[in-house]
Amino acid sequence: MLELRAVPELPDPRISPPVVAESGDPFSMLRVAHLVARLPRGRAVRVRDVVDRLNADYLDWSFSRRVVVDTILQLQANWQTDYRTRDGILLEDGPSGPELSLEDSARIEPWLVRQVERLAAQCRQGLRDFARDEGDTP
């Protein structure tokens, strides 16, 4: 193991570059779905407010409305596949842009938790794949 010297005045190099969230990226989708799971039930929430909250919660990330809407649409499609109804996750145009409504029922919360768990597992697998393949010649 390489021996290193301690240098007290040396700044911490663990500064992360900003990340621009992308549609379909599991790391972006995880953050959006995690916030969606905590939104109030049975009332409309402006997508603009969701975007603002994500950008406030993750200062080293940049979320656009498109990325948030794409993730919500994917959640809505997953809901429709599981429950054969679109009433659980509604994305509709409101007076000031798109609005998201989550049904106020006992089934929505455990379902959203499972969606977030699935996305977290995809992220962990992506990190494992990166660590395993790091250093390989492309």
C-alpha atoms as a PDB file:
ATOM      1  CA  MET A   1       0.000   0.000   0.000  1.00  0.00           C
ATOM      2  CA  LEU A   2       1.304   3.453  -0.865  1.00  0.00           C
ATOM      3  CA  GLU A   3       2.230   5.526   2.197  1.00  0.00           C
ATOM      4  CA  LEU A   4       0.973   9.111   2.040  1.00  0.00           C
ATOM      5  CA  ARG A   5       1.897  12.140   4.090  1.00  0.00           C
ATOM      6  CA  ALA A   6      -0.682  14.178   5.974  1.00  0.00           C
ATOM      7  CA  VAL A   7      -0.759  17.813   4.830  1.00  0.00           C
ATOM      8  CA  PRO A   8      -3.048  19.786   7.178  1.00  0.00           C
ATOM      9  CA  GLU A   9      -3.595  22.810   4.901  1.00  0.00           C
ATOM     10  CA  LEU A  10      -4.406  20.726   1.817  1.00  0.00           C
ATOM     11  CA  PRO A  11      -8.025  21.275   0.659  1.00  0.00           C
ATOM     12  CA  ASP A  12     -10.365  18.297   0.314  1.00  0.00           C
ATOM     13  CA  PRO A  13     -10.350  17.155  -3.349  1.00  0.00           C
ATOM     14  CA  ARG A  14     -13.720  15.394  -3.113  1.00  0.00           C
ATOM     15  CA  ILE A  15     -15.603  18.111  -4.934  1.00  0.00           C
ATOM     16  CA  SER A  16     -18.142  16.693  -7.335  1.00  0.00           C
ATOM     17  CA  PRO A  17     -18.746  18.286 -10.712  1.00  0.00           C
ATOM     18  CA  PRO A  18     -22.307  19.311 -11.472  1.00  0.00           C
ATOM     19  CA  VAL A  19     -24.537  16.658 -13.001  1.00  0.00           C
ATOM     20  CA  VAL A  20     -27.129  17.483 -15.635  1.00  0.00           C
ATOM     21  CA  ALA A  21     -30.023  15.089 -15.127  1.00  0.00           C
ATOM     22  CA  GLU A  22     -30.959  13.138 -18.241  1.00  0.00           C
ATOM     23  CA  SER A  23     -34.177  11.388 -19.209  1.00  0.00           C
ATOM     24  CA  GLY A  24     -33.961   7.637 -18.750  1.00  0.00           C
ATOM     25  CA  ASP A  25     -30.897   7.785 -16.504  1.00  0.00           C
ATOM     26  CA  PRO A  26     -31.611   5.659 -13.406  1.00  0.00           C
ATOM     27  CA  PHE A  27     -29.706   8.069 -11.134  1.00  0.00           C
ATOM     28  CA  SER A  28     -31.883  10.978 -12.299  1.00  0.00           C
ATOM     29  CA  MET A  29     -35.055   8.905 -12.196  1.00  0.00           C
ATOM     30  CA  LEU A  30     -34.244   7.704  -8.668  1.00  0.00           C
ATOM     31  CA  ARG A  31     -34.086  11.266  -7.369  1.00  0.00           C
ATOM     32  CA  VAL A  32     -37.319  12.253  -9.112  1.00  0.00           C
ATOM     33  CA  ALA A  33     -39.222   9.122  -8.011  1.00  0.00           C
ATOM     34  CA  HIS A  34     -37.958   9.520  -4.437  1.00  0.00           C
ATOM     35  CA  LEU A  35     -39.435  13.025  -4.337  1.00  0.00           C
ATOM     36  CA  VAL A  36     -42.663  11.917  -6.031  1.00  0.00           C
ATOM     37  CA  ALA A  37     -43.107   9.230  -3.358  1.00  0.00           C
ATOM     38  CA  ARG A  38     -43.114  11.963  -0.714  1.00  0.00           C
ATOM     39  CA  LEU A  39     -45.571  14.321  -2.424  1.00  0.00           C
ATOM     40  CA  PRO A  40     -49.016  14.948  -0.928  1.00  0.00           C
ATOM     41  CA  ARG A  41     -51.796  12.640  -2.095  1.00  0.00           C
ATOM     42  CA  GLY A  42     -55.107  13.579  -3.626  1.00  0.00           C
ATOM     43  CA  ARG A  43     -54.197  17.068  -4.826  1.00  0.00           C
ATOM     44  CA  ALA A  44     -52.430  18.578  -7.795  1.00  0.00           C
ATOM     45  CA  VAL A  45     -48.788  19.617  -7.465  1.00  0.00           C
ATOM     46  CA  ARG A  46     -47.189  21.767 -10.133  1.00  0.00           C
ATOM     47  CA  VAL A  47     -44.342  20.056 -11.972  1.00  0.00           C
ATOM     48  CA  ARG A  48     -42.524  23.383 -11.788  1.00  0.00           C
ATOM     49  CA  ASP A  49     -42.555  23.069  -7.980  1.00  0.00           C
ATOM     50  CA  VAL A  50     -41.187  19.517  -8.218  1.00  0.00           C
ATOM     51  CA  VAL A  51     -38.344  20.734 -10.459  1.00  0.00           C
ATOM     52  CA  ASP A  52     -37.587  23.615  -8.087  1.00  0.00           C
ATOM     53  CA  ARG A  53     -37.522  21.277  -5.084  1.00  0.00           C
ATOM     54  CA  LEU A  54     -35.196  18.806  -6.833  1.00  0.00           C
ATOM     55  CA  ASN A  55     -32.805  21.598  -7.779  1.00  0.00           C
ATOM     56  CA  ALA A  56     -32.881  22.886  -4.184  1.00  0.00           C
ATOM     57  CA  ASP A  57     -32.368  19.413  -2.670  1.00  0.00           C
ATOM     58  CA  TYR A  58     -29.551  18.397  -5.028  1.00  0.00           C
ATOM     59  CA  LEU A  59     -27.386  21.485  -5.475  1.00  0.00           C
ATOM     60  CA  ASP A  60     -24.843  19.571  -7.549  1.00  0.00           C
ATOM     61  CA  TRP A  61     -27.533  18.434  -9.996  1.00  0.00           C
ATOM     62  CA  SER A  62     -29.581  20.307 -12.585  1.00  0.00           C
ATOM     63  CA  PHE A  63     -33.085  19.008 -13.262  1.00  0.00           C
ATOM     64  CA  SER A  64     -35.188  20.253 -16.160  1.00  0.00           C
ATOM     65  CA  ARG A  65     -38.946  20.051 -16.506  1.00  0.00           C
ATOM     66  CA  ARG A  66     -38.512  17.586 -19.391  1.00  0.00           C
ATOM     67  CA  VAL A  67     -36.531  15.110 -17.255  1.00  0.00           C
ATOM     68  CA  VAL A  68     -39.101  15.300 -14.450  1.00  0.00           C
ATOM     69  CA  VAL A  69     -42.050  14.876 -16.832  1.00  0.00           C
ATOM     70  CA  ASP A  70     -40.355  11.929 -18.562  1.00  0.00           C
ATOM     71  CA  THR A  71     -39.848  10.195 -15.210  1.00  0.00           C
ATOM     72  CA  ILE A  72     -43.455  10.852 -14.181  1.00  0.00           C
ATOM     73  CA  LEU A  73     -44.652   9.462 -17.521  1.00  0.00           C
ATOM     74  CA  GLN A  74     -42.564   6.324 -16.936  1.00  0.00           C
ATOM     75  CA  LEU A  75     -44.054   5.946 -13.449  1.00  0.00           C
ATOM     76  CA  GLN A  76     -47.512   6.440 -14.942  1.00  0.00           C
ATOM     77  CA  ALA A  77     -46.849   3.755 -17.561  1.00  0.00           C
ATOM     78  CA  ASN A  78     -45.599   1.380 -14.850  1.00  0.00           C
ATOM     79  CA  TRP A  79     -48.739   2.089 -12.804  1.00  0.00           C
ATOM     80  CA  GLN A  80     -50.958   1.401 -15.810  1.00  0.00           C
ATOM     81  CA  THR A  81     -49.166  -1.884 -16.399  1.00  0.00           C
ATOM     82  CA  ASP A  82     -49.609  -2.962 -12.777  1.00  0.00           C
ATOM     83  CA  TYR A  83     -53.146  -1.686 -12.126  1.00  0.00           C
ATOM     84  CA  ARG A  84     -54.721  -1.252 -15.595  1.00  0.00           C
ATOM     85  CA  THR A  85     -55.841   2.263 -14.677  1.00  0.00           C
ATOM     86  CA  ARG A  86     -54.296   5.676 -15.085  1.00  0.00           C
ATOM     87  CA  ASP A  87     -56.040   7.222 -12.086  1.00  0.00           C
ATOM     88  CA  GLY A  88     -53.172   6.491  -9.689  1.00  0.00           C
ATOM     89  CA  ILE A  89     -50.743   8.927 -11.298  1.00  0.00           C
ATOM     90  CA  LEU A  90     -52.267  11.765 -13.283  1.00  0.00           C
ATOM     91  CA  LEU A  91     -50.237  14.272 -15.263  1.00  0.00           C
ATOM     92  CA  GLU A  92     -52.488  16.996 -16.616  1.00  0.00           C
ATOM     93  CA  ASP A  93     -52.180  20.539 -17.888  1.00  0.00           C
ATOM     94  CA  GLY A  94     -53.029  23.073 -15.202  1.00  0.00           C
ATOM     95  CA  PRO A  95     -53.392  26.845 -15.374  1.00  0.00           C
ATOM     96  CA  SER A  96     -49.627  27.320 -14.902  1.00  0.00           C
ATOM     97  CA  GLY A  97     -48.246  24.242 -16.649  1.00  0.00           C
ATOM     98  CA  PRO A  98     -48.264  20.498 -16.051  1.00  0.00           C
ATOM     99  CA  GLU A  99     -49.547  19.225 -12.707  1.00  0.00           C
ATOM    100  CA  LEU A 100     -49.114  15.858 -11.039  1.00  0.00           C
ATOM    101  CA  SER A 101     -51.764  14.214  -8.882  1.00  0.00           C
ATOM    102  CA  LEU A 102     -51.281  10.992  -6.930  1.00  0.00           C
ATOM    103  CA  GLU A 103     -54.324   9.011  -5.885  1.00  0.00           C
ATOM    104  CA  ASP A 104     -55.045   9.079  -2.171  1.00  0.00           C
ATOM    105  CA  SER A 105     -55.197   5.348  -1.531  1.00  0.00           C
ATOM    106  CA  ALA A 106     -53.410   2.718   0.509  1.00  0.00           C
ATOM    107  CA  ARG A 107     -51.901   1.099  -2.585  1.00  0.00           C
ATOM    108  CA  ILE A 108     -49.938   4.077  -3.956  1.00  0.00           C
ATOM    109  CA  GLU A 109     -47.296   4.373  -1.238  1.00  0.00           C
ATOM    110  CA  PRO A 110     -46.033   0.767  -1.214  1.00  0.00           C
ATOM    111  CA  TRP A 111     -46.103   0.788  -5.008  1.00  0.00           C
ATOM    112  CA  LEU A 112     -43.976   3.959  -5.147  1.00  0.00           C
ATOM    113  CA  VAL A 113     -41.566   2.496  -2.590  1.00  0.00           C
ATOM    114  CA  ARG A 114     -41.112  -0.536  -4.861  1.00  0.00           C
ATOM    115  CA  GLN A 115     -40.459   1.744  -7.848  1.00  0.00           C
ATOM    116  CA  VAL A 116     -37.799   3.646  -5.899  1.00  0.00           C
ATOM    117  CA  GLU A 117     -36.249   0.370  -4.693  1.00  0.00           C
ATOM    118  CA  ARG A 118     -36.093  -0.880  -8.292  1.00  0.00           C
ATOM    119  CA  LEU A 119     -34.399   2.319  -9.468  1.00  0.00           C
ATOM    120  CA  ALA A 120     -31.942   2.230  -6.547  1.00  0.00           C
ATOM    121  CA  ALA A 121     -31.066  -1.366  -7.480  1.00  0.00           C
ATOM    122  CA  GLN A 122     -30.433  -0.271 -11.088  1.00  0.00           C
ATOM    123  CA  CYS A 123     -28.118   2.481  -9.816  1.00  0.00           C
ATOM    124  CA  ARG A 124     -26.204   0.087  -7.559  1.00  0.00           C
ATOM    125  CA  GLN A 125     -25.850  -2.380 -10.448  1.00  0.00           C
ATOM    126  CA  GLY A 126     -24.573   0.404 -12.688  1.00  0.00           C
ATOM    127  CA  LEU A 127     -21.968   1.298 -10.077  1.00  0.00           C
ATOM    128  CA  ARG A 128     -20.941  -2.355  -9.719  1.00  0.00           C
ATOM    129  CA  ASP A 129     -20.627  -2.672 -13.489  1.00  0.00           C
ATOM    130  CA  PHE A 130     -18.534   0.489 -13.623  1.00  0.00           C
ATOM    131  CA  ALA A 131     -16.239  -0.714 -10.829  1.00  0.00           C
ATOM    132  CA  ARG A 132     -15.854  -4.140 -12.460  1.00  0.00           C
ATOM    133  CA  ASP A 133     -15.204  -2.788 -15.938  1.00  0.00           C
ATOM    134  CA  GLU A 134     -13.139   0.258 -14.934  1.00  0.00           C
ATOM    135  CA  GLY A 135      -9.754   0.081 -16.521  1.00  0.00           C
ATOM    136  CA  ASP A 136     -10.816  -2.258 -19.321  1.00  0.00           C
ATOM    137  CA  THR A 137      -9.740  -1.206 -22.770  1.00  0.00           C
ATOM    138  CA  PRO A 138     -12.789  -0.147 -24.794  1.00  0.00           C
END
